[in-house]
Amino acid sequence: MYTMIKTQVIREGKKPVAVILDYNEYQKLRERALDRADYAEAVSAEASSKKLTQLKDVKKSLGL
């Protein structure tokens, strides 16, 4: 049986210091963050490369 946990914000005075949330919600947020980081890295790599080489061409040049 699965029970959804209501998200809770833990505060010290008025300042939020921690969050308690459902593990499935955490997994979704983590996946989004990883996807965003992967996208940013790909955009950066593409912008810094003068010429992109297809995987099939790299394999061919390496004799694979």
PDB file of N, CA and C in Angstrom:
ATOM      1  N   MET A   1       0.840  -1.183   0.000  1.00  0.00           N
ATOM      2  CA  MET A   1       0.000   0.000   0.000  1.00  0.00           C
ATOM      3  C   MET A   1       0.885   1.246   0.000  1.00  0.00           C
ATOM      4  N   TYR A   2       0.529   2.198  -0.810  1.00  0.00           N
ATOM      5  CA  TYR A   2       1.307   3.421  -0.963  1.00  0.00           C
ATOM      6  C   TYR A   2       0.531   4.599  -0.399  1.00  0.00           C
ATOM      7  N   THR A   3       1.181   5.367   0.468  1.00  0.00           N
ATOM      8  CA  THR A   3       0.568   6.557   1.040  1.00  0.00           C
ATOM      9  C   THR A   3       1.348   7.779   0.571  1.00  0.00           C
ATOM     10  N   MET A   4       0.659   8.722  -0.042  1.00  0.00           N
ATOM     11  CA  MET A   4       1.295   9.960  -0.507  1.00  0.00           C
ATOM     12  C   MET A   4       1.592  10.845   0.697  1.00  0.00           C
ATOM     13  N   ILE A   5       2.808  11.351   0.750  1.00  0.00           N
ATOM     14  CA  ILE A   5       3.205  12.243   1.833  1.00  0.00           C
ATOM     15  C   ILE A   5       3.000  13.676   1.380  1.00  0.00           C
ATOM     16  N   LYS A   6       2.339  14.457   2.198  1.00  0.00           N
ATOM     17  CA  LYS A   6       2.133  15.861   1.891  1.00  0.00           C
ATOM     18  C   LYS A   6       3.445  16.615   2.066  1.00  0.00           C
ATOM     19  N   THR A   7       3.778  17.458   1.097  1.00  0.00           N
ATOM     20  CA  THR A   7       5.006  18.244   1.162  1.00  0.00           C
ATOM     21  C   THR A   7       4.942  19.192   2.355  1.00  0.00           C
ATOM     22  N   GLN A   8       6.041  19.228   3.104  1.00  0.00           N
ATOM     23  CA  GLN A   8       6.119  20.092   4.279  1.00  0.00           C
ATOM     24  C   GLN A   8       7.400  20.904   4.232  1.00  0.00           C
ATOM     25  N   VAL A   9       7.318  22.156   4.622  1.00  0.00           N
ATOM     26  CA  VAL A   9       8.486  23.039   4.692  1.00  0.00           C
ATOM     27  C   VAL A   9       8.848  23.220   6.164  1.00  0.00           C
ATOM     28  N   ILE A  10      10.090  22.937   6.488  1.00  0.00           N
ATOM     29  CA  ILE A  10      10.588  23.102   7.857  1.00  0.00           C
ATOM     30  C   ILE A  10      11.250  24.477   7.937  1.00  0.00           C
ATOM     31  N   ARG A  11      10.902  25.235   8.939  1.00  0.00           N
ATOM     32  CA  ARG A  11      11.413  26.604   9.082  1.00  0.00           C
ATOM     33  C   ARG A  11      12.099  26.801  10.426  1.00  0.00           C
ATOM     34  N   GLU A  12      13.075  27.676  10.403  1.00  0.00           N
ATOM     35  CA  GLU A  12      13.664  28.198  11.634  1.00  0.00           C
ATOM     36  C   GLU A  12      13.254  29.653  11.675  1.00  0.00           C
ATOM     37  N   GLY A  13      12.335  29.959  12.531  1.00  0.00           N
ATOM     38  CA  GLY A  13      11.722  31.284  12.506  1.00  0.00           C
ATOM     39  C   GLY A  13      10.890  31.375  11.237  1.00  0.00           C
ATOM     40  N   LYS A  14      11.167  32.369  10.408  1.00  0.00           N
ATOM     41  CA  LYS A  14      10.448  32.511   9.140  1.00  0.00           C
ATOM     42  C   LYS A  14      11.261  31.973   7.957  1.00  0.00           C
ATOM     43  N   LYS A  15      12.501  31.553   8.211  1.00  0.00           N
ATOM     44  CA  LYS A  15      13.392  31.115   7.139  1.00  0.00           C
ATOM     45  C   LYS A  15      13.219  29.620   6.850  1.00  0.00           C
ATOM     46  N   PRO A  16      12.866  29.253   5.591  1.00  0.00           N
ATOM     47  CA  PRO A  16      12.780  27.830   5.247  1.00  0.00           C
ATOM     48  C   PRO A  16      14.178  27.200   5.239  1.00  0.00           C
ATOM     49  N   VAL A  17      14.325  26.033   5.905  1.00  0.00           N
ATOM     50  CA  VAL A  17      15.624  25.377   5.998  1.00  0.00           C
ATOM     51  C   VAL A  17      15.624  23.953   5.439  1.00  0.00           C
ATOM     52  N   ALA A  18      14.443  23.352   5.267  1.00  0.00           N
ATOM     53  CA  ALA A  18      14.369  21.986   4.748  1.00  0.00           C
ATOM     54  C   ALA A  18      12.968  21.729   4.199  1.00  0.00           C
ATOM     55  N   VAL A  19      12.878  20.689   3.361  1.00  0.00           N
ATOM     56  CA  VAL A  19      11.590  20.300   2.795  1.00  0.00           C
ATOM     57  C   VAL A  19      11.444  18.793   2.922  1.00  0.00           C
ATOM     58  N   ILE A  20      10.272  18.359   3.307  1.00  0.00           N
ATOM     59  CA  ILE A  20       9.936  16.939   3.316  1.00  0.00           C
ATOM     60  C   ILE A  20       8.922  16.727   2.203  1.00  0.00           C
ATOM     61  N   LEU A  21       9.263  15.817   1.273  1.00  0.00           N
ATOM     62  CA  LEU A  21       8.336  15.549   0.192  1.00  0.00           C
ATOM     63  C   LEU A  21       8.339  14.073  -0.141  1.00  0.00           C
ATOM     64  N   ASP A  22       7.320  13.673  -0.865  1.00  0.00           N
ATOM     65  CA  ASP A  22       7.148  12.300  -1.285  1.00  0.00           C
ATOM     66  C   ASP A  22       8.342  11.872  -2.148  1.00  0.00           C
ATOM     67  N   TYR A  23       8.817  10.635  -1.975  1.00  0.00           N
ATOM     68  CA  TYR A  23       9.987  10.156  -2.707  1.00  0.00           C
ATOM     69  C   TYR A  23       9.759  10.171  -4.215  1.00  0.00           C
ATOM     70  N   ASN A  24       8.585   9.820  -4.675  1.00  0.00           N
ATOM     71  CA  ASN A  24       8.298   9.851  -6.116  1.00  0.00           C
ATOM     72  C   ASN A  24       8.391  11.267  -6.663  1.00  0.00           C
ATOM     73  N   GLU A  25       7.938  12.240  -5.899  1.00  0.00           N
ATOM     74  CA  GLU A  25       8.049  13.641  -6.303  1.00  0.00           C
ATOM     75  C   GLU A  25       9.518  14.056  -6.349  1.00  0.00           C
ATOM     76  N   TYR A  26      10.296  13.605  -5.370  1.00  0.00           N
ATOM     77  CA  TYR A  26      11.734  13.867  -5.361  1.00  0.00           C
ATOM     78  C   TYR A  26      12.380  13.307  -6.628  1.00  0.00           C
ATOM     79  N   GLN A  27      12.030  12.069  -6.993  1.00  0.00           N
ATOM     80  CA  GLN A  27      12.601  11.447  -8.189  1.00  0.00           C
ATOM     81  C   GLN A  27      12.276  12.259  -9.442  1.00  0.00           C
ATOM     82  N   LYS A  28      11.054  12.749  -9.553  1.00  0.00           N
ATOM     83  CA  LYS A  28      10.655  13.566 -10.700  1.00  0.00           C
ATOM     84  C   LYS A  28      11.471  14.862 -10.761  1.00  0.00           C
ATOM     85  N   LEU A  29      11.623  15.520  -9.623  1.00  0.00           N
ATOM     86  CA  LEU A  29      12.395  16.765  -9.569  1.00  0.00           C
ATOM     87  C   LEU A  29      13.862  16.511  -9.905  1.00  0.00           C
ATOM     88  N   ARG A  30      14.403  15.420  -9.398  1.00  0.00           N
ATOM     89  CA  ARG A  30      15.798  15.067  -9.670  1.00  0.00           C
ATOM     90  C   ARG A  30      16.006  14.788 -11.157  1.00  0.00           C
ATOM     91  N   GLU A  31      15.090  14.056 -11.768  1.00  0.00           N
ATOM     92  CA  GLU A  31      15.184  13.746 -13.190  1.00  0.00           C
ATOM     93  C   GLU A  31      15.140  15.023 -14.034  1.00  0.00           C
ATOM     94  N   ARG A  32      14.258  15.948 -13.662  1.00  0.00           N
ATOM     95  CA  ARG A  32      14.189  17.228 -14.378  1.00  0.00           C
ATOM     96  C   ARG A  32      15.507  17.997 -14.270  1.00  0.00           C
ATOM     97  N   ALA A  33      16.093  18.004 -13.079  1.00  0.00           N
ATOM     98  CA  ALA A  33      17.358  18.709 -12.874  1.00  0.00           C
ATOM     99  C   ALA A  33      18.472  18.073 -13.708  1.00  0.00           C
ATOM    100  N   LEU A  34      18.515  16.751 -13.746  1.00  0.00           N
ATOM    101  CA  LEU A  34      19.526  16.062 -14.549  1.00  0.00           C
ATOM    102  C   LEU A  34      19.322  16.327 -16.036  1.00  0.00           C
ATOM    103  N   ASP A  35      18.067  16.307 -16.484  1.00  0.00           N
ATOM    104  CA  ASP A  35      17.770  16.599 -17.884  1.00  0.00           C
ATOM    105  C   ASP A  35      18.214  18.012 -18.250  1.00  0.00           C
ATOM    106  N   ARG A  36      17.939  18.949 -17.376  1.00  0.00           N
ATOM    107  CA  ARG A  36      18.321  20.347 -17.627  1.00  0.00           C
ATOM    108  C   ARG A  36      19.841  20.490 -17.694  1.00  0.00           C
ATOM    109  N   ALA A  37      20.549  19.806 -16.787  1.00  0.00           N
ATOM    110  CA  ALA A  37      22.008  19.860 -16.783  1.00  0.00           C
ATOM    111  C   ALA A  37      22.572  19.232 -18.064  1.00  0.00           C
ATOM    112  N   ASP A  38      21.995  18.103 -18.488  1.00  0.00           N
ATOM    113  CA  ASP A  38      22.440  17.450 -19.727  1.00  0.00           C
ATOM    114  C   ASP A  38      22.221  18.366 -20.924  1.00  0.00           C
ATOM    115  N   TYR A  39      21.085  19.019 -20.970  1.00  0.00           N
ATOM    116  CA  TYR A  39      20.768  19.925 -22.073  1.00  0.00           C
ATOM    117  C   TYR A  39      21.759  21.091 -22.110  1.00  0.00           C
ATOM    118  N   ALA A  40      22.015  21.679 -20.945  1.00  0.00           N
ATOM    119  CA  ALA A  40      22.940  22.816 -20.874  1.00  0.00           C
ATOM    120  C   ALA A  40      24.339  22.396 -21.315  1.00  0.00           C
ATOM    121  N   GLU A  41      24.761  21.211 -20.926  1.00  0.00           N
ATOM    122  CA  GLU A  41      26.078  20.711 -21.315  1.00  0.00           C
ATOM    123  C   GLU A  41      26.144  20.491 -22.828  1.00  0.00           C
ATOM    124  N   ALA A  42      25.084  19.945 -23.405  1.00  0.00           N
ATOM    125  CA  ALA A  42      25.045  19.709 -24.849  1.00  0.00           C
ATOM    126  C   ALA A  42      25.085  21.024 -25.620  1.00  0.00           C
ATOM    127  N   VAL A  43      24.343  22.012 -25.166  1.00  0.00           N
ATOM    128  CA  VAL A  43      24.331  23.321 -25.831  1.00  0.00           C
ATOM    129  C   VAL A  43      25.706  23.955 -25.750  1.00  0.00           C
ATOM    130  N   SER A  44      26.339  23.850 -24.597  1.00  0.00           N
ATOM    131  CA  SER A  44      27.674  24.412 -24.418  1.00  0.00           C
ATOM    132  C   SER A  44      28.695  23.712 -25.315  1.00  0.00           C
ATOM    133  N   ALA A  45      28.618  22.397 -25.378  1.00  0.00           N
ATOM    134  CA  ALA A  45      29.549  21.640 -26.215  1.00  0.00           C
ATOM    135  C   ALA A  45      29.358  21.978 -27.686  1.00  0.00           C
ATOM    136  N   GLU A  46      28.123  22.093 -28.099  1.00  0.00           N
ATOM    137  CA  GLU A  46      27.839  22.415 -29.498  1.00  0.00           C
ATOM    138  C   GLU A  46      28.338  23.816 -29.845  1.00  0.00           C
ATOM    139  N   ALA A  47      28.162  24.750 -28.929  1.00  0.00           N
ATOM    140  CA  ALA A  47      28.586  26.129 -29.171  1.00  0.00           C
ATOM    141  C   ALA A  47      30.108  26.243 -29.229  1.00  0.00           C
ATOM    142  N   SER A  48      30.807  25.418 -28.477  1.00  0.00           N
ATOM    143  CA  SER A  48      32.260  25.507 -28.438  1.00  0.00           C
ATOM    144  C   SER A  48      32.939  24.706 -29.547  1.00  0.00           C
ATOM    145  N   SER A  49      32.206  23.844 -30.215  1.00  0.00           N
ATOM    146  CA  SER A  49      32.780  23.024 -31.292  1.00  0.00           C
ATOM    147  C   SER A  49      32.635  23.723 -32.630  1.00  0.00           C
ATOM    148  N   LYS A  50      33.716  23.717 -33.373  1.00  0.00           N
ATOM    149  CA  LYS A  50      33.650  24.307 -34.701  1.00  0.00           C
ATOM    150  C   LYS A  50      33.048  23.325 -35.696  1.00  0.00           C
ATOM    151  N   LYS A  51      33.327  22.037 -35.487  1.00  0.00           N
ATOM    152  CA  LYS A  51      32.822  21.030 -36.397  1.00  0.00           C
ATOM    153  C   LYS A  51      32.363  19.826 -35.586  1.00  0.00           C
ATOM    154  N   LEU A  52      31.156  19.377 -35.827  1.00  0.00           N
ATOM    155  CA  LEU A  52      30.644  18.184 -35.178  1.00  0.00           C
ATOM    156  C   LEU A  52      30.885  16.993 -36.097  1.00  0.00           C
ATOM    157  N   THR A  53      31.219  15.856 -35.521  1.00  0.00           N
ATOM    158  CA  THR A  53      31.475  14.644 -36.286  1.00  0.00           C
ATOM    159  C   THR A  53      30.469  13.584 -35.876  1.00  0.00           C
ATOM    160  N   GLN A  54      29.860  12.947 -36.842  1.00  0.00           N
ATOM    161  CA  GLN A  54      28.882  11.910 -36.555  1.00  0.00           C
ATOM    162  C   GLN A  54      29.582  10.682 -35.992  1.00  0.00           C
ATOM    163  N   LEU A  55      28.856   9.943 -35.156  1.00  0.00           N
ATOM    164  CA  LEU A  55      29.404   8.759 -34.507  1.00  0.00           C
ATOM    165  C   LEU A  55      29.904   7.751 -35.534  1.00  0.00           C
ATOM    166  N   LYS A  56      29.163   7.546 -36.621  1.00  0.00           N
ATOM    167  CA  LYS A  56      29.585   6.560 -37.629  1.00  0.00           C
ATOM    168  C   LYS A  56      30.937   6.942 -38.238  1.00  0.00           C
ATOM    169  N   ASP A  57      31.198   8.250 -38.400  1.00  0.00           N
ATOM    170  CA  ASP A  57      32.470   8.697 -38.944  1.00  0.00           C
ATOM    171  C   ASP A  57      33.618   8.521 -37.955  1.00  0.00           C
ATOM    172  N   VAL A  58      33.343   8.725 -36.673  1.00  0.00           N
ATOM    173  CA  VAL A  58      34.354   8.511 -35.640  1.00  0.00           C
ATOM    174  C   VAL A  58      34.722   7.028 -35.594  1.00  0.00           C
ATOM    175  N   LYS A  59      33.703   6.160 -35.610  1.00  0.00           N
ATOM    176  CA  LYS A  59      33.971   4.716 -35.595  1.00  0.00           C
ATOM    177  C   LYS A  59      34.788   4.301 -36.799  1.00  0.00           C
ATOM    178  N   LYS A  60      34.457   4.860 -37.943  1.00  0.00           N
ATOM    179  CA  LYS A  60      35.176   4.517 -39.171  1.00  0.00           C
ATOM    180  C   LYS A  60      36.641   4.938 -39.077  1.00  0.00           C
ATOM    181  N   SER A  61      36.893   6.137 -38.556  1.00  0.00           N
ATOM    182  CA  SER A  61      38.268   6.620 -38.448  1.00  0.00           C
ATOM    183  C   SER A  61      39.061   5.837 -37.396  1.00  0.00           C
ATOM    184  N   LEU A  62      38.368   5.238 -36.438  1.00  0.00           N
ATOM    185  CA  LEU A  62      39.040   4.433 -35.407  1.00  0.00           C
ATOM    186  C   LEU A  62      39.127   2.965 -35.809  1.00  0.00           C
ATOM    187  N   GLY A  63      38.526   2.631 -36.951  1.00  0.00           N
ATOM    188  CA  GLY A  63      38.549   1.245 -37.412  1.00  0.00           C
ATOM    189  C   GLY A  63      37.621   0.338 -36.633  1.00  0.00           C
ATOM    190  N   LEU A  64      36.556   0.886 -36.121  1.00  0.00           N
ATOM    191  CA  LEU A  64      35.577   0.095 -35.332  1.00  0.00           C
ATOM    192  C   LEU A  64      34.397  -0.328 -36.163  1.00  0.00           C
TER     193      LEU A  64
END
